[in-house]
Protein backbone atom coordinates (compact mmCIF):
# COMPACT_ATOMS: atom_id res chain seq x y z
CA MET A 1 -33.55 15.10 -47.36
CA SER A 2 -30.73 17.27 -48.71
CA ARG A 3 -27.29 17.12 -47.16
CA THR A 4 -24.19 19.31 -47.32
CA PHE A 5 -20.76 17.66 -47.46
CA HIS A 6 -17.54 19.27 -46.28
CA LEU A 7 -14.53 17.08 -47.09
CA GLU A 8 -12.08 17.44 -44.21
CA ASP A 9 -9.31 14.93 -44.87
CA THR A 10 -8.18 12.17 -47.22
CA LEU A 11 -8.23 8.79 -45.50
CA GLY A 12 -7.00 6.64 -48.37
CA GLU A 13 -6.57 6.52 -52.11
CA GLY A 14 -6.36 3.75 -54.68
CA ALA A 15 -6.19 3.25 -58.43
CA PHE A 16 -9.89 3.91 -58.98
CA GLY A 17 -11.09 5.98 -56.06
CA VAL A 18 -10.49 7.95 -52.90
CA VAL A 19 -11.93 7.93 -49.38
CA HIS A 20 -12.44 11.21 -47.52
CA LEU A 21 -13.49 12.04 -43.99
CA ALA A 22 -16.47 14.36 -44.37
CA ARG A 23 -18.62 16.50 -42.10
CA VAL A 24 -22.20 15.91 -43.24
CA THR A 25 -24.99 18.35 -42.34
CA ASP A 26 -28.64 17.77 -43.18
CA GLU A 27 -31.37 20.39 -43.58
CA GLU A 28 -32.37 19.97 -39.93
CA GLY A 29 -28.88 20.94 -38.79
CA PHE A 30 -27.93 17.39 -37.78
CA VAL A 31 -24.14 16.97 -38.16
CA GLN A 32 -22.16 13.75 -38.35
CA ARG A 33 -18.78 12.67 -39.63
CA LEU A 34 -18.69 9.89 -42.20
CA ALA A 35 -16.17 8.27 -44.48
CA VAL A 36 -17.04 9.05 -48.10
CA LYS A 37 -15.78 6.82 -50.91
CA MET A 38 -15.86 8.22 -54.46
CA LEU A 39 -14.35 7.34 -57.80
CA HIS A 40 -11.61 9.60 -59.08
CA ALA A 41 -13.13 12.37 -61.17
CA HIS A 42 -11.80 10.94 -64.46
CA TYR A 43 -13.61 7.65 -63.76
CA SER A 44 -16.91 9.19 -62.71
CA ALA A 45 -18.48 8.58 -66.13
CA ASP A 46 -17.26 4.97 -66.43
CA ALA A 47 -20.51 2.99 -66.30
CA ASP A 48 -18.89 -0.26 -65.14
CA LEU A 49 -16.96 1.39 -62.30
CA VAL A 50 -20.00 3.40 -61.22
CA GLY A 51 -22.04 0.19 -61.22
CA ARG A 52 -19.34 -1.54 -59.19
CA LEU A 53 -19.45 1.27 -56.61
CA ARG A 54 -23.22 0.89 -56.28
CA ASP A 55 -22.80 -2.89 -56.01
CA GLU A 56 -20.28 -2.42 -53.20
CA ALA A 57 -22.76 -0.26 -51.26
CA ARG A 58 -25.59 -2.77 -51.80
CA LEU A 59 -23.41 -5.68 -50.71
CA LEU A 60 -22.19 -3.91 -47.57
CA ALA A 61 -25.78 -3.04 -46.69
CA LEU A 62 -26.59 -6.76 -46.75
CA LEU A 63 -23.59 -7.69 -44.61
CA GLN A 64 -24.09 -6.79 -40.97
CA HIS A 65 -20.97 -8.03 -39.21
CA GLU A 66 -18.74 -6.61 -36.51
CA HIS A 67 -15.60 -7.06 -38.64
CA ILE A 68 -16.96 -5.58 -41.89
CA VAL A 69 -17.15 -1.84 -42.48
CA ARG A 70 -20.74 -0.55 -42.26
CA VAL A 71 -22.40 1.48 -44.98
CA HIS A 72 -24.88 4.30 -44.35
CA GLY A 73 -26.10 4.84 -47.89
CA LEU A 74 -25.36 6.36 -51.27
CA SER A 75 -25.31 10.02 -52.21
CA ARG A 76 -23.85 12.39 -54.80
CA ILE A 77 -21.19 15.00 -54.17
CA ASP A 78 -20.68 17.51 -56.98
CA GLY A 79 -22.40 15.05 -59.28
CA ARG A 80 -20.14 12.11 -58.32
CA LEU A 81 -21.60 8.98 -56.77
CA ALA A 82 -20.39 8.40 -53.20
CA ILE A 83 -20.72 5.62 -50.62
CA LEU A 84 -21.30 6.90 -47.08
CA MET A 85 -19.59 4.65 -44.54
CA GLU A 86 -18.67 4.55 -40.89
CA PRO A 87 -15.34 6.29 -40.23
CA ILE A 88 -12.83 3.95 -38.64
CA PRO A 89 -10.16 5.64 -36.52
CA GLY A 90 -7.04 3.53 -36.66
CA ALA A 91 -4.59 2.26 -39.27
CA ASP A 92 -4.53 -0.41 -41.92
CA LEU A 93 -1.99 -3.19 -41.62
CA SER A 94 0.18 -1.91 -44.45
CA ALA A 95 1.51 0.49 -41.79
CA ALA A 96 3.29 -2.52 -40.26
CA GLN A 97 5.18 -3.43 -43.45
CA GLY A 98 8.78 -4.27 -42.68
CA GLN A 99 7.96 -5.09 -39.07
CA ALA A 100 6.98 -8.51 -37.80
CA ILE A 101 3.83 -8.64 -35.68
CA PRO A 102 3.78 -11.02 -32.68
CA PRO A 103 2.24 -14.32 -33.85
CA ARG A 104 -0.55 -14.22 -31.26
CA ALA A 105 -1.67 -10.76 -32.40
CA ALA A 106 -1.41 -11.77 -36.06
CA LEU A 107 -3.57 -14.84 -35.39
CA GLN A 108 -6.20 -12.73 -33.62
CA VAL A 109 -6.40 -10.42 -36.63
CA THR A 110 -6.57 -13.42 -38.97
CA GLU A 111 -9.38 -14.96 -36.93
CA ALA A 112 -11.41 -11.74 -37.15
CA VAL A 113 -10.91 -11.47 -40.92
CA ALA A 114 -11.79 -15.16 -41.37
CA SER A 115 -15.03 -14.54 -39.45
CA ALA A 116 -15.86 -11.64 -41.79
CA LEU A 117 -15.13 -13.72 -44.89
CA CYS A 118 -17.26 -16.57 -43.56
CA ALA A 119 -20.14 -14.17 -43.02
CA ALA A 120 -19.72 -12.75 -46.53
CA TRP A 121 -19.92 -16.27 -47.97
CA GLU A 122 -22.73 -17.66 -45.81
CA THR A 123 -25.05 -14.73 -45.02
CA VAL A 124 -28.63 -15.18 -46.20
CA PRO A 125 -30.11 -11.66 -46.21
CA PRO A 126 -33.74 -11.09 -45.12
CA GLY A 127 -36.07 -11.83 -47.99
CA HIS A 128 -33.51 -13.96 -49.81
CA ASP A 129 -33.52 -17.74 -50.23
CA GLU A 130 -29.81 -18.28 -50.91
CA PRO A 131 -26.57 -17.16 -49.27
CA LEU A 132 -24.66 -14.27 -50.79
CA ARG A 133 -21.59 -16.35 -51.59
CA ALA A 134 -19.58 -13.12 -51.56
CA VAL A 135 -15.87 -13.37 -52.37
CA HIS A 136 -13.77 -10.33 -51.46
CA ARG A 137 -11.02 -11.00 -54.06
CA ASP A 138 -8.56 -8.45 -52.64
CA ILE A 139 -7.66 -9.49 -49.10
CA LYS A 140 -4.31 -7.94 -48.16
CA PRO A 141 -2.88 -5.90 -45.26
CA SER A 142 -3.95 -2.52 -46.68
CA ASN A 143 -7.60 -3.68 -46.73
CA ILE A 144 -7.58 -4.69 -43.05
CA MET A 145 -8.02 -1.91 -40.50
CA VAL A 146 -7.14 -2.14 -36.82
CA THR A 147 -9.04 0.43 -34.80
CA GLU A 148 -7.71 2.55 -31.97
CA ARG A 149 -9.44 0.17 -29.54
CA GLY A 150 -8.04 -2.98 -31.14
CA GLY A 151 -11.00 -3.89 -33.31
CA VAL A 152 -10.59 -5.33 -36.80
CA LYS A 153 -12.49 -4.25 -39.92
CA VAL A 154 -12.31 -5.66 -43.45
CA MET A 155 -12.43 -2.83 -45.98
CA ASP A 156 -12.92 -2.30 -49.70
CA PHE A 157 -15.43 -4.73 -51.22
CA GLY A 158 -15.13 -2.82 -54.49
CA VAL A 159 -13.99 -5.84 -56.51
CA ALA A 160 -16.04 -8.44 -54.62
CA ARG A 161 -18.37 -10.82 -56.40
CA ALA A 162 -21.62 -12.04 -54.87
CA ARG A 163 -25.13 -13.25 -55.58
CA PHE A 164 -27.73 -10.59 -54.96
CA ASP A 165 -30.54 -8.85 -56.81
CA HIS A 166 -29.93 -5.83 -59.06
CA ARG A 167 -26.19 -6.36 -59.35
CA GLU A 168 -24.82 -4.07 -62.07
CA ALA A 169 -21.13 -4.77 -62.72
CA GLN A 170 -19.56 -7.75 -64.45
CA THR A 171 -18.14 -10.35 -62.02
CA ARG A 172 -14.96 -11.20 -63.87
CA SER A 173 -12.58 -13.23 -61.72
CA GLN A 174 -9.04 -12.60 -62.85
CA GLN A 175 -8.80 -8.94 -63.76
CA PHE A 176 -8.89 -7.60 -60.21
CA GLY A 177 -6.73 -8.20 -57.17
CA THR A 178 -3.14 -7.78 -56.00
CA ALA A 179 -0.67 -10.15 -57.65
CA ARG A 180 1.18 -11.78 -54.77
CA PHE A 181 -2.00 -12.38 -52.75
CA MET A 182 -3.92 -14.07 -55.59
CA ALA A 183 -4.64 -17.80 -55.32
CA PRO A 184 -3.39 -20.24 -57.98
CA GLU A 185 -6.88 -20.92 -59.36
CA ARG A 186 -7.23 -17.23 -60.11
CA TRP A 187 -4.00 -17.15 -62.10
CA LEU A 188 -4.38 -20.54 -63.77
CA GLU A 189 -8.13 -20.91 -64.31
CA GLY A 190 -9.51 -17.41 -63.73
CA GLU A 191 -11.81 -18.73 -60.97
CA ALA A 192 -12.53 -17.06 -57.63
CA GLY A 193 -14.32 -18.74 -54.73
CA ALA A 194 -14.14 -18.89 -50.94
CA PRO A 195 -10.80 -20.79 -51.03
CA SER A 196 -9.31 -17.88 -53.00
CA ASP A 197 -9.95 -15.51 -50.09
CA VAL A 198 -8.55 -18.09 -47.66
CA PHE A 199 -5.33 -18.24 -49.70
CA SER A 200 -5.05 -14.42 -49.71
CA LEU A 201 -5.60 -14.36 -45.96
CA GLY A 202 -2.88 -17.00 -45.54
CA ILE A 203 -0.37 -14.91 -47.48
CA THR A 204 -1.41 -11.90 -45.39
CA LEU A 205 -0.73 -13.88 -42.19
CA VAL A 206 2.72 -14.89 -43.46
CA GLU A 207 3.59 -11.25 -44.18
CA LEU A 208 2.35 -10.14 -40.77
CA VAL A 209 4.43 -12.64 -38.80
CA THR A 210 7.59 -12.33 -40.95
CA GLY A 211 7.48 -8.60 -41.65
CA ALA A 212 8.48 -9.30 -45.26
CA ALA A 213 6.61 -9.29 -48.57
CA VAL A 214 5.97 -12.74 -50.01
CA PRO A 215 7.23 -13.02 -53.61
CA ARG A 216 4.63 -14.07 -56.13
CA PRO A 217 4.91 -17.83 -56.76
CA ARG A 218 5.77 -19.05 -60.24
CA LEU A 219 2.76 -19.48 -62.52
CA SER A 220 2.55 -23.19 -63.13
CA ARG A 221 0.74 -25.58 -60.84
CA ALA A 222 3.79 -27.62 -59.82
CA SER A 223 6.07 -24.59 -59.40
CA PHE A 224 3.35 -22.69 -57.52
CA CYS A 225 3.05 -25.49 -54.95
CA GLU A 226 6.83 -25.76 -54.59
CA ASP A 227 7.15 -22.04 -53.93
CA ILE A 228 4.33 -22.03 -51.36
CA ASP A 229 5.92 -25.01 -49.56
CA ALA A 230 9.20 -23.08 -49.43
CA ILE A 231 7.43 -20.04 -47.95
CA VAL A 232 5.74 -22.14 -45.24
CA ALA A 233 9.01 -23.91 -44.38
CA VAL A 234 10.67 -20.71 -43.17
CA LEU A 235 7.83 -19.50 -40.96
CA PRO A 236 8.74 -18.90 -37.30
C-alpha cells in the first residue's frame, strides 16, 4: 500500500541521521503521525549504515517492551530508507544538563531503563531458540526520553549489537558510543556486553543526580578504577 509522507518537524539529529515528525497518509485516506528516522542524505548510499538502520528496525520489532520505543515498519522517502516509529511527546534527559534531578526521580528513570536493557538482553522472540542478547552500546541522557505523562523510553538502538537472523551490519564493539559513558572493557579490550550497558547507565545516573558531566576516566585499568571510586565518593 502506497503512503505519502509530509515532514512536519525535526525531532532530533545526530552524526549519522535525523528524526522527523511526519504526517503519513495512505491510499485509503488514513492519516497518522509517526516519527521517521532517516540517514543524512550524504550517508544514504553507505551500505553499512543502511544495513545498520535496517538492523535497528528489525531489532526494535523483536523487542516489545513498555520502555523501548516501538517501530511500525520500514519505508522509503525520496529514495532514502526510513524507520517508522511511534512519536514520543516529551523531552530527552539531555534537557536537564546542568540541573540536578531529585534522587528519587533519577532512580525511577534508572529502574525503567534497566528494565528495558534487561528485556533487550533476555528476550527470546517467537520462533527463536535463544535470547537476543542485545547490547545498546550508547546509553546516555540524550537517548532516554521522558514523556509528557512521566513515562520513560529508551531510544536509538542504531549502534546496538544482538543475535538475530538476517543481521546485516558488522557488530564491532569499540567504534561506536559516547566517550565518557563507555565502560572500561570497551576502551581496554574492545568488548561490549550487558555489563557495559550497566556501566553507561550508572554514569547516566551520576550525571542526573549531580547535574554535572562526569569526566572520562583515565585509560588504564588501575587509573580507571581510581577515577570511578573518586566519582562515587562525592555522590550526594
